[in-house]
Amino acid sequence: MKKKWQILSISLALTSATGILHAEGNINAGKQKAESCASCHGDNGNSMVATFPKLAQQHSSYLARQLHAFKDGSRNDPMMSAMALALTDDDIADISAYYAAQKISENALPVLAADDEDEKPVGNKDVQALIAQGSNLYRNGNLSSEVSACIACHGSLGEGNKPASFPALKSQHADYLIKTLTDFKSGSRSKNPENIMHMIAKKMTDEEIKAVSYRISMMK
């Protein structure tokens, strides 16, 4: 039964790929066109604000897919949707190529805030325990709650899958990952109830979301 679930999870993930390959853009042209993105995503795609995603070293196929989604309205964000509307297909290809060619920065070890209820600070040991929990979830999933392992689509090192447009996750901001998984869980990130990430995230606890986000943020 466990093997059947693992096979089903991988099959669902693979069949969710669009299969659409976008043309590779011009990196130099993309650098100039990406200047308007720097205020949120950093000069080289490494955003300084943890709630804004890093775009550096992300697969160009995934970036192009998201920009097209913002442009056609299948993915909504007030700022990104407005900016994407002004982009041509060539602009999207060039910007995506530029960010894909940049190197993503590493993150510092996450620091847990004091618990809101008892106001006791959480020490480094608890952070490491949470990261270990996230590592197990990333590699093995949670069979009891039928949460698929992240490794099936995003790779052993968080490198993603360019042909399938599955994003690279390594060294992404933990805060952004937590927000993204929470949005998938609530359904606000996707209009499709059969979206593979919604189907996975809705079965995750808040602790699991935080744990796996912290683990991914430490991947290099």
N, C-alpha and C. Protein backbone atom coordinates (compact mmCIF):
# COMPACT_ATOMS: atom_id res chain seq x y z
N MET A 1 0.82 -1.21 0.00
CA MET A 1 0.00 0.00 0.00
C MET A 1 0.86 1.26 0.00
N LYS A 2 1.95 1.23 0.79
CA LYS A 2 2.83 2.39 0.86
C LYS A 2 3.47 2.65 -0.50
N LYS A 3 3.90 1.56 -1.17
CA LYS A 3 4.55 1.73 -2.47
C LYS A 3 3.56 2.27 -3.50
N LYS A 4 2.29 1.78 -3.42
CA LYS A 4 1.28 2.26 -4.34
C LYS A 4 1.05 3.75 -4.17
N TRP A 5 1.03 4.23 -2.91
CA TRP A 5 0.83 5.67 -2.65
C TRP A 5 1.99 6.49 -3.18
N GLN A 6 3.22 5.99 -2.99
CA GLN A 6 4.39 6.71 -3.47
C GLN A 6 4.37 6.81 -4.98
N ILE A 7 3.99 5.71 -5.65
CA ILE A 7 3.94 5.72 -7.11
C ILE A 7 2.86 6.68 -7.59
N LEU A 8 1.69 6.66 -6.92
CA LEU A 8 0.60 7.56 -7.29
C LEU A 8 1.02 9.01 -7.12
N SER A 9 1.72 9.32 -6.03
CA SER A 9 2.15 10.70 -5.76
C SER A 9 3.06 11.20 -6.87
N ILE A 10 4.01 10.35 -7.27
CA ILE A 10 4.95 10.74 -8.32
C ILE A 10 4.23 10.88 -9.65
N SER A 11 3.29 9.99 -9.91
CA SER A 11 2.54 10.04 -11.17
C SER A 11 1.72 11.32 -11.27
N LEU A 12 1.07 11.69 -10.16
CA LEU A 12 0.29 12.93 -10.14
C LEU A 12 1.17 14.13 -10.40
N ALA A 13 2.35 14.11 -9.79
CA ALA A 13 3.28 15.23 -9.94
C ALA A 13 3.73 15.36 -11.38
N LEU A 14 4.06 14.24 -12.01
CA LEU A 14 4.55 14.28 -13.38
C LEU A 14 3.46 14.68 -14.36
N THR A 15 2.25 14.21 -14.14
CA THR A 15 1.17 14.55 -15.06
C THR A 15 0.69 15.98 -14.90
N SER A 16 1.10 16.65 -13.81
CA SER A 16 0.68 18.04 -13.61
C SER A 16 1.54 19.01 -14.39
N ALA A 17 2.66 18.53 -14.93
CA ALA A 17 3.56 19.40 -15.70
C ALA A 17 2.85 19.87 -16.96
N THR A 18 3.12 21.09 -17.36
CA THR A 18 2.45 21.65 -18.53
C THR A 18 2.99 21.06 -19.82
N GLY A 19 4.26 20.71 -19.81
CA GLY A 19 4.86 20.17 -21.02
C GLY A 19 5.21 21.26 -22.01
N ILE A 20 5.01 22.51 -21.63
CA ILE A 20 5.31 23.62 -22.52
C ILE A 20 6.72 24.12 -22.28
N LEU A 21 7.51 24.15 -23.33
CA LEU A 21 8.88 24.64 -23.21
C LEU A 21 8.93 26.05 -23.79
N HIS A 22 9.44 26.99 -23.02
CA HIS A 22 9.53 28.36 -23.49
C HIS A 22 10.89 28.60 -24.14
N ALA A 23 10.92 29.45 -25.12
CA ALA A 23 12.17 29.76 -25.81
C ALA A 23 13.14 30.42 -24.86
N GLU A 24 14.41 30.10 -25.01
CA GLU A 24 15.44 30.70 -24.18
C GLU A 24 15.64 32.16 -24.57
N GLY A 25 15.78 33.01 -23.58
CA GLY A 25 15.93 34.43 -23.84
C GLY A 25 17.38 34.89 -23.87
N ASN A 26 17.56 36.20 -24.00
CA ASN A 26 18.87 36.83 -24.05
C ASN A 26 19.22 37.36 -22.66
N ILE A 27 20.30 36.86 -22.09
CA ILE A 27 20.67 37.22 -20.72
C ILE A 27 21.00 38.71 -20.60
N ASN A 28 21.78 39.22 -21.54
CA ASN A 28 22.17 40.63 -21.48
C ASN A 28 20.97 41.56 -21.60
N ALA A 29 20.07 41.21 -22.50
CA ALA A 29 18.86 42.02 -22.65
C ALA A 29 18.00 41.90 -21.39
N GLY A 30 17.99 40.70 -20.81
CA GLY A 30 17.22 40.47 -19.60
C GLY A 30 17.71 41.28 -18.42
N LYS A 31 19.01 41.48 -18.33
CA LYS A 31 19.58 42.26 -17.23
C LYS A 31 19.04 43.68 -17.22
N GLN A 32 18.97 44.28 -18.39
CA GLN A 32 18.45 45.64 -18.49
C GLN A 32 16.95 45.68 -18.22
N LYS A 33 16.24 44.71 -18.73
CA LYS A 33 14.79 44.68 -18.56
C LYS A 33 14.39 44.38 -17.12
N ALA A 34 15.28 43.72 -16.38
CA ALA A 34 14.98 43.33 -15.00
C ALA A 34 15.26 44.45 -13.99
N GLU A 35 15.72 45.61 -14.46
CA GLU A 35 16.04 46.70 -13.54
C GLU A 35 14.82 47.12 -12.71
N SER A 36 13.65 47.06 -13.32
CA SER A 36 12.44 47.46 -12.59
C SER A 36 12.03 46.43 -11.54
N CYS A 37 12.63 45.23 -11.59
CA CYS A 37 12.31 44.17 -10.63
C CYS A 37 13.21 44.23 -9.39
N ALA A 38 14.32 45.00 -9.49
CA ALA A 38 15.35 44.99 -8.46
C ALA A 38 14.88 45.49 -7.10
N SER A 39 13.91 46.40 -7.07
CA SER A 39 13.48 46.96 -5.79
C SER A 39 12.88 45.89 -4.88
N CYS A 40 12.30 44.86 -5.45
CA CYS A 40 11.73 43.77 -4.65
C CYS A 40 12.61 42.52 -4.65
N HIS A 41 13.21 42.21 -5.80
CA HIS A 41 13.91 40.94 -5.94
C HIS A 41 15.44 41.06 -5.94
N GLY A 42 15.95 42.28 -5.73
CA GLY A 42 17.39 42.47 -5.66
C GLY A 42 18.03 42.63 -7.04
N ASP A 43 19.20 43.25 -7.07
CA ASP A 43 19.89 43.52 -8.34
C ASP A 43 20.20 42.24 -9.11
N ASN A 44 20.51 41.18 -8.39
CA ASN A 44 20.88 39.92 -9.06
C ASN A 44 19.90 38.79 -8.72
N GLY A 45 18.70 39.17 -8.33
CA GLY A 45 17.69 38.16 -8.05
C GLY A 45 17.71 37.61 -6.64
N ASN A 46 18.55 38.17 -5.78
CA ASN A 46 18.60 37.75 -4.38
C ASN A 46 17.95 38.82 -3.51
N SER A 47 16.66 38.66 -3.29
CA SER A 47 15.92 39.68 -2.55
C SER A 47 16.41 39.80 -1.12
N MET A 48 16.39 41.00 -0.59
CA MET A 48 16.83 41.27 0.78
C MET A 48 15.67 41.15 1.78
N VAL A 49 14.46 41.12 1.26
CA VAL A 49 13.27 41.01 2.11
C VAL A 49 12.78 39.56 2.04
N ALA A 50 12.67 38.92 3.21
CA ALA A 50 12.41 37.47 3.26
C ALA A 50 11.04 37.06 2.74
N THR A 51 10.12 38.00 2.60
CA THR A 51 8.81 37.65 2.07
C THR A 51 8.73 37.79 0.55
N PHE A 52 9.80 38.34 -0.06
CA PHE A 52 9.89 38.42 -1.52
C PHE A 52 10.79 37.28 -1.99
N PRO A 53 10.38 36.50 -2.97
CA PRO A 53 11.18 35.34 -3.37
C PRO A 53 12.49 35.70 -4.05
N LYS A 54 13.49 34.86 -3.82
CA LYS A 54 14.71 34.95 -4.60
C LYS A 54 14.43 34.36 -5.98
N LEU A 55 14.89 35.05 -7.02
CA LEU A 55 14.71 34.57 -8.38
C LEU A 55 16.00 34.05 -8.97
N ALA A 56 17.12 34.34 -8.34
CA ALA A 56 18.43 33.91 -8.83
C ALA A 56 18.49 32.39 -8.92
N GLN A 57 19.04 31.90 -10.02
CA GLN A 57 19.29 30.48 -10.25
C GLN A 57 18.00 29.67 -10.39
N GLN A 58 16.89 30.36 -10.55
CA GLN A 58 15.63 29.65 -10.78
C GLN A 58 15.55 29.23 -12.25
N HIS A 59 14.92 28.13 -12.54
CA HIS A 59 14.80 27.66 -13.92
C HIS A 59 14.04 28.69 -14.76
N SER A 60 14.59 29.00 -15.92
CA SER A 60 13.96 29.97 -16.80
C SER A 60 12.56 29.50 -17.22
N SER A 61 12.40 28.19 -17.39
CA SER A 61 11.09 27.66 -17.80
C SER A 61 10.04 27.94 -16.73
N TYR A 62 10.42 27.82 -15.46
CA TYR A 62 9.47 28.07 -14.37
C TYR A 62 9.17 29.57 -14.27
N LEU A 63 10.20 30.40 -14.34
CA LEU A 63 10.00 31.84 -14.24
C LEU A 63 9.10 32.33 -15.37
N ALA A 64 9.35 31.86 -16.59
CA ALA A 64 8.53 32.27 -17.73
C ALA A 64 7.08 31.83 -17.53
N ARG A 65 6.92 30.62 -17.03
CA ARG A 65 5.57 30.09 -16.80
C ARG A 65 4.81 30.95 -15.80
N GLN A 66 5.48 31.39 -14.73
CA GLN A 66 4.82 32.22 -13.72
C GLN A 66 4.50 33.60 -14.25
N LEU A 67 5.41 34.19 -15.02
CA LEU A 67 5.15 35.52 -15.57
C LEU A 67 3.99 35.49 -16.56
N HIS A 68 3.91 34.43 -17.35
CA HIS A 68 2.77 34.29 -18.26
C HIS A 68 1.48 34.11 -17.48
N ALA A 69 1.56 33.40 -16.36
CA ALA A 69 0.37 33.19 -15.52
C ALA A 69 -0.11 34.51 -14.91
N PHE A 70 0.84 35.34 -14.46
CA PHE A 70 0.47 36.66 -13.95
C PHE A 70 -0.17 37.51 -15.05
N LYS A 71 0.40 37.39 -16.25
CA LYS A 71 -0.08 38.20 -17.37
C LYS A 71 -1.48 37.78 -17.82
N ASP A 72 -1.76 36.47 -17.88
CA ASP A 72 -3.07 36.04 -18.37
C ASP A 72 -4.13 35.91 -17.26
N GLY A 73 -3.70 36.18 -16.00
CA GLY A 73 -4.66 36.19 -14.91
C GLY A 73 -4.90 34.86 -14.21
N SER A 74 -4.21 33.82 -14.66
CA SER A 74 -4.39 32.52 -14.00
C SER A 74 -3.69 32.49 -12.65
N ARG A 75 -2.78 33.42 -12.41
CA ARG A 75 -2.20 33.63 -11.09
C ARG A 75 -2.32 35.11 -10.78
N ASN A 76 -2.79 35.44 -9.60
CA ASN A 76 -3.09 36.84 -9.28
C ASN A 76 -2.22 37.39 -8.16
N ASP A 77 -1.71 38.57 -8.37
CA ASP A 77 -1.01 39.37 -7.37
C ASP A 77 -1.08 40.80 -7.88
N PRO A 78 -1.59 41.72 -7.08
CA PRO A 78 -1.79 43.09 -7.57
C PRO A 78 -0.57 43.71 -8.23
N MET A 79 0.59 43.57 -7.62
CA MET A 79 1.79 44.17 -8.17
C MET A 79 2.33 43.40 -9.37
N MET A 80 2.47 42.09 -9.21
CA MET A 80 3.06 41.28 -10.27
C MET A 80 2.16 41.21 -11.50
N SER A 81 0.87 41.14 -11.29
CA SER A 81 -0.06 41.08 -12.43
C SER A 81 0.04 42.36 -13.26
N ALA A 82 0.13 43.50 -12.59
CA ALA A 82 0.23 44.78 -13.29
C ALA A 82 1.53 44.88 -14.08
N MET A 83 2.62 44.43 -13.48
CA MET A 83 3.92 44.50 -14.15
C MET A 83 3.98 43.54 -15.33
N ALA A 84 3.42 42.36 -15.17
CA ALA A 84 3.49 41.35 -16.22
C ALA A 84 2.69 41.75 -17.46
N LEU A 85 1.62 42.52 -17.25
CA LEU A 85 0.79 42.93 -18.37
C LEU A 85 1.57 43.72 -19.41
N ALA A 86 2.59 44.43 -18.96
CA ALA A 86 3.37 45.27 -19.87
C ALA A 86 4.49 44.51 -20.58
N LEU A 87 4.68 43.25 -20.24
CA LEU A 87 5.78 42.48 -20.80
C LEU A 87 5.38 41.73 -22.07
N THR A 88 6.26 41.76 -23.06
CA THR A 88 6.07 40.95 -24.26
C THR A 88 6.60 39.54 -24.00
N ASP A 89 6.34 38.63 -24.91
CA ASP A 89 6.88 37.29 -24.77
C ASP A 89 8.41 37.31 -24.76
N ASP A 90 9.00 38.17 -25.56
CA ASP A 90 10.47 38.29 -25.58
C ASP A 90 10.98 38.84 -24.26
N ASP A 91 10.28 39.82 -23.70
CA ASP A 91 10.67 40.37 -22.39
C ASP A 91 10.68 39.27 -21.34
N ILE A 92 9.63 38.48 -21.32
CA ILE A 92 9.53 37.40 -20.34
C ILE A 92 10.66 36.40 -20.50
N ALA A 93 10.95 36.04 -21.73
CA ALA A 93 12.04 35.08 -22.00
C ALA A 93 13.39 35.66 -21.57
N ASP A 94 13.62 36.93 -21.86
CA ASP A 94 14.91 37.56 -21.53
C ASP A 94 15.09 37.70 -20.02
N ILE A 95 14.07 38.18 -19.33
CA ILE A 95 14.15 38.35 -17.88
C ILE A 95 14.35 37.00 -17.19
N SER A 96 13.64 36.00 -17.66
CA SER A 96 13.76 34.66 -17.08
C SER A 96 15.16 34.11 -17.29
N ALA A 97 15.73 34.33 -18.46
CA ALA A 97 17.09 33.85 -18.75
C ALA A 97 18.12 34.55 -17.87
N TYR A 98 17.92 35.85 -17.64
CA TYR A 98 18.85 36.60 -16.80
C TYR A 98 18.88 36.07 -15.37
N TYR A 99 17.71 35.91 -14.77
CA TYR A 99 17.68 35.44 -13.39
C TYR A 99 18.17 34.00 -13.27
N ALA A 100 17.90 33.18 -14.27
CA ALA A 100 18.36 31.79 -14.23
C ALA A 100 19.88 31.71 -14.23
N ALA A 101 20.53 32.71 -14.80
CA ALA A 101 22.00 32.71 -14.91
C ALA A 101 22.69 33.25 -13.66
N GLN A 102 21.94 33.79 -12.70
CA GLN A 102 22.52 34.34 -11.49
C GLN A 102 22.67 33.25 -10.42
N LYS A 103 23.55 33.49 -9.47
CA LYS A 103 23.78 32.52 -8.39
C LYS A 103 22.98 32.91 -7.16
N ILE A 104 22.26 31.94 -6.61
CA ILE A 104 21.45 32.22 -5.43
C ILE A 104 22.32 32.33 -4.19
N SER A 105 21.96 33.20 -3.30
CA SER A 105 22.74 33.41 -2.06
C SER A 105 22.32 32.41 -1.00
N GLU A 106 23.22 32.17 -0.04
CA GLU A 106 22.91 31.28 1.06
C GLU A 106 22.19 32.03 2.18
N ASN A 107 21.49 31.31 3.02
CA ASN A 107 20.75 31.92 4.13
C ASN A 107 21.41 31.63 5.47
N ALA A 108 21.20 32.52 6.40
CA ALA A 108 21.64 32.27 7.78
C ALA A 108 20.68 31.28 8.42
N LEU A 109 21.12 30.64 9.49
CA LEU A 109 20.28 29.69 10.22
C LEU A 109 19.03 30.42 10.73
N PRO A 110 17.85 29.86 10.50
CA PRO A 110 16.62 30.51 10.98
C PRO A 110 16.64 30.69 12.50
N VAL A 111 15.99 31.73 12.94
CA VAL A 111 15.87 32.00 14.38
C VAL A 111 14.39 31.99 14.73
N LEU A 112 14.01 31.13 15.66
CA LEU A 112 12.62 31.08 16.08
C LEU A 112 12.32 32.18 17.07
N ALA A 113 11.17 32.80 16.91
CA ALA A 113 10.76 33.86 17.84
C ALA A 113 10.24 33.23 19.13
N ALA A 114 10.13 34.04 20.18
CA ALA A 114 9.57 33.56 21.44
C ALA A 114 8.14 33.10 21.23
N ASP A 115 7.75 32.05 21.91
CA ASP A 115 6.39 31.54 21.80
C ASP A 115 5.41 32.59 22.31
N ASP A 116 4.35 32.82 21.55
CA ASP A 116 3.39 33.87 21.91
C ASP A 116 2.64 33.56 23.20
N GLU A 117 2.52 32.28 23.53
CA GLU A 117 1.72 31.91 24.70
C GLU A 117 2.51 31.98 26.00
N ASP A 118 3.70 31.37 26.02
CA ASP A 118 4.44 31.37 27.29
C ASP A 118 5.65 32.29 27.28
N GLU A 119 5.90 32.93 26.11
CA GLU A 119 6.97 33.91 25.97
C GLU A 119 8.33 33.35 26.33
N LYS A 120 8.51 32.05 26.11
CA LYS A 120 9.83 31.44 26.33
C LYS A 120 10.58 31.39 25.01
N PRO A 121 11.78 31.93 24.95
CA PRO A 121 12.54 31.90 23.70
C PRO A 121 12.89 30.48 23.30
N VAL A 122 12.92 30.23 22.01
CA VAL A 122 13.27 28.91 21.50
C VAL A 122 14.74 28.89 21.15
N GLY A 123 15.49 27.96 21.67
CA GLY A 123 16.93 27.91 21.46
C GLY A 123 17.33 27.29 20.15
N ASN A 124 18.63 27.31 19.87
CA ASN A 124 19.18 26.78 18.63
C ASN A 124 18.88 25.30 18.48
N LYS A 125 18.88 24.58 19.59
CA LYS A 125 18.60 23.14 19.55
C LYS A 125 17.24 22.87 18.96
N ASP A 126 16.25 23.70 19.29
CA ASP A 126 14.91 23.51 18.77
C ASP A 126 14.84 23.82 17.28
N VAL A 127 15.63 24.76 16.83
CA VAL A 127 15.70 25.07 15.40
C VAL A 127 16.25 23.87 14.64
N GLN A 128 17.32 23.29 15.16
CA GLN A 128 17.93 22.14 14.51
C GLN A 128 16.97 20.95 14.49
N ALA A 129 16.20 20.78 15.55
CA ALA A 129 15.23 19.69 15.60
C ALA A 129 14.14 19.90 14.55
N LEU A 130 13.73 21.15 14.38
CA LEU A 130 12.71 21.47 13.39
C LEU A 130 13.24 21.23 11.98
N ILE A 131 14.49 21.60 11.76
CA ILE A 131 15.11 21.37 10.45
C ILE A 131 15.23 19.88 10.16
N ALA A 132 15.56 19.10 11.18
CA ALA A 132 15.65 17.64 11.02
C ALA A 132 14.28 17.05 10.67
N GLN A 133 13.25 17.56 11.31
CA GLN A 133 11.89 17.13 11.00
C GLN A 133 11.55 17.46 9.55
N GLY A 134 11.94 18.65 9.13
CA GLY A 134 11.69 19.08 7.75
C GLY A 134 12.46 18.25 6.74
N SER A 135 13.67 17.84 7.11
CA SER A 135 14.49 17.00 6.22
C SER A 135 13.82 15.66 5.99
N ASN A 136 13.28 15.07 7.05
CA ASN A 136 12.59 13.79 6.93
C ASN A 136 11.32 13.92 6.07
N LEU A 137 10.60 15.02 6.28
CA LEU A 137 9.38 15.24 5.51
C LEU A 137 9.72 15.46 4.03
N TYR A 138 10.78 16.21 3.76
CA TYR A 138 11.18 16.50 2.39
C TYR A 138 11.52 15.21 1.64
N ARG A 139 12.23 14.31 2.31
CA ARG A 139 12.69 13.08 1.66
C ARG A 139 11.65 11.97 1.67
N ASN A 140 10.89 11.86 2.74
CA ASN A 140 10.02 10.71 2.91
C ASN A 140 8.53 11.02 2.92
N GLY A 141 8.16 12.28 3.06
CA GLY A 141 6.76 12.63 3.17
C GLY A 141 6.19 12.15 4.50
N ASN A 142 4.89 12.12 4.58
CA ASN A 142 4.20 11.63 5.78
C ASN A 142 3.14 10.64 5.32
N LEU A 143 3.45 9.36 5.42
CA LEU A 143 2.54 8.33 4.91
C LEU A 143 1.21 8.31 5.64
N SER A 144 1.24 8.60 6.95
CA SER A 144 0.00 8.53 7.73
C SER A 144 -1.02 9.58 7.29
N SER A 145 -0.53 10.74 6.86
CA SER A 145 -1.44 11.80 6.41
C SER A 145 -1.41 11.96 4.89
N GLU A 146 -0.69 11.08 4.22
CA GLU A 146 -0.60 11.06 2.76
C GLU A 146 -0.02 12.35 2.19
N VAL A 147 0.99 12.89 2.87
CA VAL A 147 1.73 14.04 2.36
C VAL A 147 2.89 13.51 1.54
N SER A 148 2.94 13.87 0.26
CA SER A 148 3.98 13.37 -0.62
C SER A 148 5.34 13.96 -0.28
N ALA A 149 6.40 13.20 -0.58
CA ALA A 149 7.76 13.69 -0.38
C ALA A 149 8.09 14.75 -1.42
N CYS A 150 8.71 15.82 -0.98
CA CYS A 150 9.06 16.93 -1.88
C CYS A 150 10.10 16.50 -2.92
N ILE A 151 10.91 15.52 -2.54
CA ILE A 151 12.04 15.10 -3.37
C ILE A 151 11.58 14.59 -4.73
N ALA A 152 10.35 14.08 -4.81
CA ALA A 152 9.85 13.50 -6.06
C ALA A 152 9.82 14.51 -7.20
N CYS A 153 9.50 15.75 -6.90
CA CYS A 153 9.41 16.79 -7.93
C CYS A 153 10.54 17.80 -7.87
N HIS A 154 11.04 18.06 -6.67
CA HIS A 154 12.00 19.15 -6.49
C HIS A 154 13.45 18.69 -6.33
N GLY A 155 13.68 17.38 -6.39
CA GLY A 155 15.05 16.86 -6.38
C GLY A 155 15.64 16.72 -5.01
N SER A 156 16.69 15.91 -4.90
CA SER A 156 17.31 15.61 -3.61
C SER A 156 17.95 16.82 -2.97
N LEU A 157 18.37 17.78 -3.79
CA LEU A 157 19.05 18.98 -3.27
C LEU A 157 18.23 20.24 -3.51
N GLY A 158 16.96 20.07 -3.81
CA GLY A 158 16.11 21.23 -4.06
C GLY A 158 16.38 21.90 -5.38
N GLU A 159 16.94 21.12 -6.33
CA GLU A 159 17.33 21.69 -7.63
C GLU A 159 16.17 21.81 -8.61
N GLY A 160 15.03 21.19 -8.31
CA GLY A 160 13.88 21.29 -9.19
C GLY A 160 14.03 20.45 -10.45
N ASN A 161 13.18 20.72 -11.43
CA ASN A 161 13.17 19.98 -12.69
C ASN A 161 12.83 20.95 -13.81
N LYS A 162 13.84 21.37 -14.57
CA LYS A 162 13.63 22.39 -15.60
C LYS A 162 12.66 21.96 -16.69
N PRO A 163 12.81 20.76 -17.31
CA PRO A 163 11.88 20.37 -18.38
C PRO A 163 10.42 20.35 -17.94
N ALA A 164 10.19 19.96 -16.69
CA ALA A 164 8.82 19.89 -16.17
C ALA A 164 8.36 21.21 -15.56
N SER A 165 9.23 22.20 -15.54
CA SER A 165 8.93 23.51 -14.94
C SER A 165 8.63 23.40 -13.45
N PHE A 166 9.23 22.41 -12.78
CA PHE A 166 9.13 22.34 -11.32
C PHE A 166 10.24 23.21 -10.75
N PRO A 167 9.91 24.16 -9.88
CA PRO A 167 10.91 25.15 -9.44
C PRO A 167 12.02 24.59 -8.56
N ALA A 168 13.17 25.21 -8.68
CA ALA A 168 14.25 24.97 -7.72
C ALA A 168 13.84 25.63 -6.41
N LEU A 169 14.12 24.98 -5.29
CA LEU A 169 13.72 25.50 -3.99
C LEU A 169 14.91 25.85 -3.10
N LYS A 170 16.07 25.30 -3.37
CA LYS A 170 17.20 25.44 -2.46
C LYS A 170 17.53 26.90 -2.19
N SER A 171 17.84 27.17 -0.93
CA SER A 171 18.26 28.50 -0.46
C SER A 171 17.20 29.58 -0.63
N GLN A 172 15.95 29.18 -0.84
CA GLN A 172 14.87 30.16 -0.89
C GLN A 172 14.59 30.67 0.52
N HIS A 173 14.08 31.88 0.64
CA HIS A 173 13.76 32.42 1.97
C HIS A 173 12.71 31.53 2.65
N ALA A 174 12.96 31.20 3.91
CA ALA A 174 12.01 30.37 4.66
C ALA A 174 10.66 31.07 4.80
N ASP A 175 10.67 32.37 5.06
CA ASP A 175 9.41 33.09 5.24
C ASP A 175 8.56 33.04 3.97
N TYR A 176 9.21 33.16 2.81
CA TYR A 176 8.48 33.10 1.55
C TYR A 176 7.91 31.70 1.33
N LEU A 177 8.70 30.67 1.65
CA LEU A 177 8.23 29.30 1.50
C LEU A 177 7.04 29.02 2.40
N ILE A 178 7.10 29.50 3.63
CA ILE A 178 5.99 29.32 4.57
C ILE A 178 4.73 29.98 4.03
N LYS A 179 4.86 31.21 3.52
CA LYS A 179 3.71 31.91 2.95
C LYS A 179 3.16 31.16 1.75
N THR A 180 4.05 30.68 0.89
CA THR A 180 3.62 29.99 -0.32
C THR A 180 2.86 28.71 -0.01
N LEU A 181 3.42 27.89 0.90
CA LEU A 181 2.75 26.65 1.26
C LEU A 181 1.42 26.92 1.97
N THR A 182 1.40 27.97 2.79
CA THR A 182 0.15 28.34 3.48
C THR A 182 -0.90 28.78 2.46
N ASP A 183 -0.48 29.52 1.43
CA ASP A 183 -1.41 29.95 0.38
C ASP A 183 -1.91 28.76 -0.43
N PHE A 184 -1.01 27.81 -0.70
CA PHE A 184 -1.45 26.60 -1.40
C PHE A 184 -2.46 25.84 -0.53
N LYS A 185 -2.17 25.77 0.75
CA LYS A 185 -3.04 25.05 1.69
C LYS A 185 -4.45 25.64 1.72
N SER A 186 -4.54 26.95 1.76
CA SER A 186 -5.84 27.63 1.83
C SER A 186 -6.55 27.67 0.48
N GLY A 187 -5.79 27.46 -0.59
CA GLY A 187 -6.36 27.53 -1.93
C GLY A 187 -6.24 28.89 -2.58
N SER A 188 -5.66 29.86 -1.87
CA SER A 188 -5.57 31.22 -2.42
C SER A 188 -4.50 31.34 -3.50
N ARG A 189 -3.56 30.41 -3.56
CA ARG A 189 -2.50 30.47 -4.57
C ARG A 189 -2.98 29.94 -5.93
N SER A 190 -3.93 29.02 -5.91
CA SER A 190 -4.39 28.41 -7.16
C SER A 190 -5.91 28.34 -7.20
N LYS A 191 -6.45 28.59 -8.38
CA LYS A 191 -7.89 28.51 -8.58
C LYS A 191 -8.33 27.06 -8.84
N ASN A 192 -7.35 26.18 -9.06
CA ASN A 192 -7.64 24.80 -9.41
C ASN A 192 -7.60 23.91 -8.16
N PRO A 193 -8.73 23.33 -7.74
CA PRO A 193 -8.75 22.50 -6.53
C PRO A 193 -7.94 21.22 -6.69
N GLU A 194 -7.59 20.86 -7.94
CA GLU A 194 -6.80 19.66 -8.19
C GLU A 194 -5.33 19.99 -8.42
N ASN A 195 -4.96 21.24 -8.14
CA ASN A 195 -3.55 21.62 -8.22
C ASN A 195 -2.74 20.73 -7.29
N ILE A 196 -1.64 20.14 -7.78
CA ILE A 196 -0.90 19.15 -7.00
C ILE A 196 -0.37 19.74 -5.69
N MET A 197 0.06 21.01 -5.70
CA MET A 197 0.60 21.60 -4.48
C MET A 197 -0.52 21.88 -3.46
N HIS A 198 -1.69 22.23 -3.94
CA HIS A 198 -2.82 22.41 -3.03
C HIS A 198 -3.20 21.08 -2.39
N MET A 199 -3.21 20.02 -3.19
CA MET A 199 -3.56 18.70 -2.70
C MET A 199 -2.59 18.21 -1.62
N ILE A 200 -1.32 18.60 -1.77
CA ILE A 200 -0.30 18.20 -0.78
C ILE A 200 -0.37 19.09 0.45
N ALA A 201 -0.34 20.41 0.22
CA ALA A 201 -0.25 21.37 1.33
C ALA A 201 -1.46 21.33 2.26
N LYS A 202 -2.64 21.03 1.72
CA LYS A 202 -3.84 21.03 2.56
C LYS A 202 -3.79 19.93 3.62
N LYS A 203 -2.91 18.94 3.44
CA LYS A 203 -2.77 17.85 4.39
C LYS A 203 -1.64 18.10 5.40
N MET A 204 -0.90 19.20 5.21
CA MET A 204 0.23 19.51 6.08
C MET A 204 -0.20 20.34 7.28
N THR A 205 0.41 20.08 8.42
CA THR A 205 0.17 20.90 9.60
C THR A 205 1.02 22.17 9.48
N ASP A 206 0.69 23.18 10.28
CA ASP A 206 1.49 24.41 10.28
C ASP A 206 2.93 24.12 10.68
N GLU A 207 3.11 23.18 11.61
CA GLU A 207 4.46 22.82 12.05
C GLU A 207 5.24 22.17 10.92
N GLU A 208 4.59 21.31 10.16
CA GLU A 208 5.25 20.66 9.02
C GLU A 208 5.65 21.68 7.97
N ILE A 209 4.79 22.65 7.73
CA ILE A 209 5.09 23.70 6.76
C ILE A 209 6.32 24.49 7.19
N LYS A 210 6.37 24.84 8.46
CA LYS A 210 7.52 25.58 8.96
C LYS A 210 8.78 24.72 8.91
N ALA A 211 8.67 23.47 9.31
CA ALA A 211 9.83 22.57 9.35
C ALA A 211 10.44 22.37 7.97
N VAL A 212 9.62 22.06 6.98
CA VAL A 212 10.16 21.80 5.65
C VAL A 212 10.66 23.09 5.01
N SER A 213 10.05 24.22 5.32
CA SER A 213 10.51 25.51 4.80
C SER A 213 11.89 25.85 5.36
N TYR A 214 12.08 25.61 6.66
CA TYR A 214 13.38 25.86 7.27
C TYR A 214 14.45 24.96 6.66
N ARG A 215 14.09 23.69 6.44
CA ARG A 215 15.06 22.76 5.85
C ARG A 215 15.45 23.19 4.44
N ILE A 216 14.48 23.53 3.62
CA ILE A 216 14.77 23.95 2.25
C ILE A 216 15.63 25.21 2.22
N SER A 217 15.37 26.13 3.15
CA SER A 217 16.15 27.37 3.18
C SER A 217 17.63 27.14 3.47
N MET A 218 17.95 25.97 4.06
CA MET A 218 19.33 25.64 4.38
C MET A 218 20.01 24.82 3.28
N MET A 219 19.27 24.40 2.28
CA MET A 219 19.85 23.63 1.17
C MET A 219 20.76 24.52 0.33
N LYS A 220 21.87 23.94 -0.12
CA LYS A 220 22.84 24.73 -0.91
C LYS A 220 23.13 24.01 -2.22
